Amino acid sequence: MKQVGLYEAKSKLSALVSALIESGDPVSLTKHGQVVAELRLPSTSSPSRGSMSTEDFFIAPGFDSLQIPNSDRLEPPLPPEDPRK
């Protein structure tokens, strides 16, 4: 994986993106020698349904078709009451 300093990356971002598209190899961005970010191609796969399957995780059967009526009119929650009263 190629490593490039932030200053150089800022100056040559278009060239780095072009090289990334051509090779597909991610590029690590460094600051003071430490990797702080990474440029990579976007993922083409999507998470599979049920990928968070555990004992405590549940998705309602109608979750994907859930509609919130009048969602633009929802009121914000009330602040908690002052316990000193």
N, C-alpha and C. Protein backbone atom coordinates (compact mmCIF):
# COMPACT_ATOMS: atom_id res chain seq x y z
N MET A 1 0.85 -1.17 0.00
CA MET A 1 0.00 0.00 0.00
C MET A 1 0.89 1.23 0.00
N LYS A 2 0.59 2.14 -0.89
CA LYS A 2 1.37 3.37 -1.02
C LYS A 2 1.02 4.32 0.12
N GLN A 3 2.04 4.98 0.67
CA GLN A 3 1.81 5.97 1.72
C GLN A 3 2.23 7.34 1.20
N VAL A 4 1.35 8.34 1.43
CA VAL A 4 1.59 9.69 0.96
C VAL A 4 1.31 10.66 2.10
N GLY A 5 2.16 11.65 2.28
CA GLY A 5 1.94 12.67 3.29
C GLY A 5 0.76 13.56 2.93
N LEU A 6 0.13 14.14 3.93
CA LEU A 6 -1.05 14.97 3.68
C LEU A 6 -0.75 16.16 2.77
N TYR A 7 0.39 16.79 2.97
CA TYR A 7 0.74 17.95 2.13
C TYR A 7 0.83 17.54 0.67
N GLU A 8 1.53 16.44 0.41
CA GLU A 8 1.66 15.95 -0.96
C GLU A 8 0.30 15.53 -1.51
N ALA A 9 -0.51 14.87 -0.68
CA ALA A 9 -1.84 14.42 -1.11
C ALA A 9 -2.71 15.61 -1.49
N LYS A 10 -2.61 16.69 -0.72
CA LYS A 10 -3.40 17.88 -1.02
C LYS A 10 -2.98 18.45 -2.37
N SER A 11 -1.70 18.43 -2.63
CA SER A 11 -1.17 19.00 -3.88
C SER A 11 -1.47 18.12 -5.08
N LYS A 12 -1.55 16.80 -4.88
CA LYS A 12 -1.67 15.86 -6.00
C LYS A 12 -2.91 14.97 -5.89
N LEU A 13 -3.98 15.49 -5.32
CA LEU A 13 -5.17 14.66 -5.09
C LEU A 13 -5.72 14.06 -6.38
N SER A 14 -5.83 14.85 -7.42
CA SER A 14 -6.38 14.33 -8.69
C SER A 14 -5.53 13.18 -9.23
N ALA A 15 -4.22 13.32 -9.16
CA ALA A 15 -3.33 12.26 -9.64
C ALA A 15 -3.45 11.01 -8.78
N LEU A 16 -3.58 11.19 -7.46
CA LEU A 16 -3.74 10.05 -6.57
C LEU A 16 -5.04 9.29 -6.86
N VAL A 17 -6.11 10.04 -7.09
CA VAL A 17 -7.40 9.41 -7.40
C VAL A 17 -7.32 8.68 -8.74
N SER A 18 -6.67 9.27 -9.73
CA SER A 18 -6.51 8.60 -11.03
C SER A 18 -5.73 7.31 -10.88
N ALA A 19 -4.65 7.35 -10.09
CA ALA A 19 -3.84 6.13 -9.88
C ALA A 19 -4.65 5.09 -9.13
N LEU A 20 -5.47 5.52 -8.20
CA LEU A 20 -6.32 4.61 -7.44
C LEU A 20 -7.31 3.91 -8.37
N ILE A 21 -7.91 4.67 -9.27
CA ILE A 21 -8.88 4.09 -10.21
C ILE A 21 -8.20 3.07 -11.12
N GLU A 22 -6.98 3.40 -11.58
CA GLU A 22 -6.27 2.50 -12.49
C GLU A 22 -5.81 1.22 -11.80
N SER A 23 -5.22 1.35 -10.61
CA SER A 23 -4.63 0.17 -9.96
C SER A 23 -5.56 -0.51 -8.96
N GLY A 24 -6.43 0.26 -8.33
CA GLY A 24 -7.31 -0.29 -7.31
C GLY A 24 -6.64 -0.44 -5.95
N ASP A 25 -5.33 -0.11 -5.88
CA ASP A 25 -4.61 -0.23 -4.62
C ASP A 25 -4.89 0.98 -3.74
N PRO A 26 -5.29 0.76 -2.48
CA PRO A 26 -5.56 1.87 -1.57
C PRO A 26 -4.30 2.69 -1.31
N VAL A 27 -4.50 3.95 -0.93
CA VAL A 27 -3.40 4.87 -0.62
C VAL A 27 -3.58 5.34 0.81
N SER A 28 -2.56 5.16 1.64
CA SER A 28 -2.61 5.63 3.03
C SER A 28 -2.12 7.07 3.08
N LEU A 29 -2.85 7.91 3.80
CA LEU A 29 -2.45 9.29 4.00
C LEU A 29 -1.83 9.41 5.37
N THR A 30 -0.65 10.04 5.44
CA THR A 30 0.06 10.12 6.71
C THR A 30 0.24 11.56 7.16
N LYS A 31 0.34 11.71 8.46
CA LYS A 31 0.66 13.00 9.07
C LYS A 31 1.73 12.72 10.12
N HIS A 32 2.89 13.33 9.94
CA HIS A 32 4.03 13.10 10.82
C HIS A 32 4.37 11.62 10.90
N GLY A 33 4.26 10.92 9.77
CA GLY A 33 4.66 9.52 9.70
C GLY A 33 3.61 8.52 10.16
N GLN A 34 2.47 8.99 10.67
CA GLN A 34 1.42 8.08 11.12
C GLN A 34 0.25 8.11 10.16
N VAL A 35 -0.28 6.94 9.84
CA VAL A 35 -1.42 6.85 8.95
C VAL A 35 -2.65 7.44 9.64
N VAL A 36 -3.29 8.42 8.98
CA VAL A 36 -4.47 9.07 9.55
C VAL A 36 -5.72 8.87 8.71
N ALA A 37 -5.56 8.44 7.46
CA ALA A 37 -6.71 8.23 6.58
C ALA A 37 -6.28 7.31 5.44
N GLU A 38 -7.28 6.87 4.70
CA GLU A 38 -7.00 5.96 3.60
C GLU A 38 -7.93 6.27 2.44
N LEU A 39 -7.37 6.33 1.24
CA LEU A 39 -8.17 6.47 0.02
C LEU A 39 -8.33 5.08 -0.57
N ARG A 40 -9.56 4.69 -0.84
CA ARG A 40 -9.82 3.39 -1.46
C ARG A 40 -11.06 3.50 -2.31
N LEU A 41 -11.20 2.58 -3.24
CA LEU A 41 -12.39 2.54 -4.09
C LEU A 41 -13.61 2.22 -3.22
N PRO A 42 -14.78 2.72 -3.59
CA PRO A 42 -15.98 2.41 -2.80
C PRO A 42 -16.34 0.94 -2.89
N SER A 43 -16.92 0.45 -1.84
CA SER A 43 -17.34 -0.94 -1.79
C SER A 43 -18.55 -1.13 -2.69
N THR A 44 -18.53 -2.22 -3.45
CA THR A 44 -19.67 -2.49 -4.35
C THR A 44 -20.67 -3.44 -3.72
N SER A 45 -20.31 -4.03 -2.60
CA SER A 45 -21.23 -4.96 -1.95
C SER A 45 -22.03 -4.22 -0.88
N SER A 46 -23.19 -4.73 -0.60
CA SER A 46 -24.01 -4.16 0.46
C SER A 46 -24.11 -5.19 1.58
N PRO A 47 -24.33 -4.72 2.80
CA PRO A 47 -24.44 -5.67 3.90
C PRO A 47 -25.60 -6.63 3.67
N SER A 48 -25.41 -7.86 4.04
CA SER A 48 -26.49 -8.83 3.87
C SER A 48 -27.47 -8.70 5.03
N ARG A 49 -28.72 -8.90 4.74
CA ARG A 49 -29.74 -8.82 5.76
C ARG A 49 -29.48 -9.91 6.80
N GLY A 50 -29.57 -9.54 8.04
CA GLY A 50 -29.33 -10.49 9.11
C GLY A 50 -27.87 -10.55 9.52
N SER A 51 -27.06 -9.60 9.04
CA SER A 51 -25.65 -9.63 9.38
C SER A 51 -25.41 -9.27 10.84
N MET A 52 -26.41 -8.75 11.52
CA MET A 52 -26.27 -8.45 12.94
C MET A 52 -27.03 -9.47 13.79
N SER A 53 -27.11 -10.67 13.32
CA SER A 53 -27.87 -11.70 14.03
C SER A 53 -27.22 -12.05 15.36
N THR A 54 -27.93 -11.80 16.42
CA THR A 54 -27.53 -12.20 17.76
C THR A 54 -28.80 -12.57 18.50
N GLU A 55 -28.67 -13.04 19.71
CA GLU A 55 -29.86 -13.38 20.51
C GLU A 55 -30.75 -12.17 20.75
N ASP A 56 -30.14 -11.00 21.00
CA ASP A 56 -30.89 -9.83 21.41
C ASP A 56 -31.32 -8.92 20.26
N PHE A 57 -30.92 -9.23 19.03
CA PHE A 57 -31.22 -8.35 17.91
C PHE A 57 -32.46 -8.85 17.18
N PHE A 58 -33.40 -7.93 16.90
CA PHE A 58 -34.65 -8.31 16.26
C PHE A 58 -35.04 -7.24 15.25
N ILE A 59 -35.46 -7.66 14.07
CA ILE A 59 -36.01 -6.75 13.07
C ILE A 59 -37.45 -7.16 12.84
N ALA A 60 -38.36 -6.22 13.01
CA ALA A 60 -39.77 -6.50 12.80
C ALA A 60 -40.02 -6.88 11.34
N PRO A 61 -40.95 -7.79 11.08
CA PRO A 61 -41.20 -8.22 9.70
C PRO A 61 -41.54 -7.06 8.75
N GLY A 62 -42.21 -6.02 9.21
CA GLY A 62 -42.59 -4.91 8.35
C GLY A 62 -41.63 -3.74 8.40
N PHE A 63 -40.41 -3.94 8.90
CA PHE A 63 -39.45 -2.85 9.09
C PHE A 63 -39.18 -2.08 7.80
N ASP A 64 -38.95 -2.79 6.71
CA ASP A 64 -38.60 -2.12 5.45
C ASP A 64 -39.73 -1.27 4.90
N SER A 65 -40.96 -1.57 5.27
CA SER A 65 -42.10 -0.80 4.75
C SER A 65 -42.64 0.16 5.81
N LEU A 66 -41.91 0.37 6.88
CA LEU A 66 -42.35 1.23 7.97
C LEU A 66 -42.53 2.66 7.49
N GLN A 67 -43.66 3.23 7.76
CA GLN A 67 -43.94 4.62 7.42
C GLN A 67 -44.29 5.36 8.70
N ILE A 68 -43.69 6.52 8.91
CA ILE A 68 -44.01 7.33 10.08
C ILE A 68 -44.99 8.40 9.62
N PRO A 69 -46.23 8.35 10.11
CA PRO A 69 -47.22 9.34 9.67
C PRO A 69 -46.84 10.73 10.16
N ASN A 70 -47.01 11.71 9.29
CA ASN A 70 -46.76 13.12 9.63
C ASN A 70 -45.38 13.31 10.25
N SER A 71 -44.36 12.68 9.65
CA SER A 71 -43.02 12.75 10.23
C SER A 71 -42.48 14.17 10.28
N ASP A 72 -43.01 15.07 9.42
CA ASP A 72 -42.53 16.44 9.45
C ASP A 72 -43.17 17.23 10.60
N ARG A 73 -44.12 16.63 11.30
CA ARG A 73 -44.79 17.33 12.39
C ARG A 73 -44.46 16.73 13.76
N LEU A 74 -43.45 15.89 13.83
CA LEU A 74 -43.10 15.31 15.12
C LEU A 74 -42.56 16.38 16.06
N GLU A 75 -43.02 16.33 17.28
CA GLU A 75 -42.57 17.29 18.28
C GLU A 75 -41.31 16.77 18.95
N PRO A 76 -40.39 17.66 19.31
CA PRO A 76 -39.20 17.20 20.02
C PRO A 76 -39.59 16.72 21.42
N PRO A 77 -38.82 15.83 22.01
CA PRO A 77 -39.16 15.35 23.35
C PRO A 77 -39.07 16.47 24.38
N LEU A 78 -39.90 16.37 25.40
CA LEU A 78 -39.86 17.36 26.47
C LEU A 78 -38.63 17.15 27.33
N PRO A 79 -38.05 18.26 27.84
CA PRO A 79 -36.90 18.09 28.73
C PRO A 79 -37.32 17.42 30.02
N PRO A 80 -36.39 16.72 30.68
CA PRO A 80 -36.77 16.07 31.94
C PRO A 80 -37.11 17.11 33.01
N GLU A 81 -38.00 16.69 33.92
CA GLU A 81 -38.38 17.61 34.97
C GLU A 81 -37.22 17.85 35.93
N ASP A 82 -37.18 19.04 36.50
CA ASP A 82 -36.13 19.39 37.44
C ASP A 82 -36.39 18.65 38.75
N PRO A 83 -35.49 17.79 39.20
CA PRO A 83 -35.72 17.01 40.43
C PRO A 83 -35.72 17.87 41.69
N ARG A 84 -35.27 19.11 41.59
CA ARG A 84 -35.24 19.98 42.78
C ARG A 84 -36.62 20.56 43.11
N LYS A 85 -37.57 20.38 42.22
CA LYS A 85 -38.91 20.95 42.47
C LYS A 85 -39.74 20.04 43.32
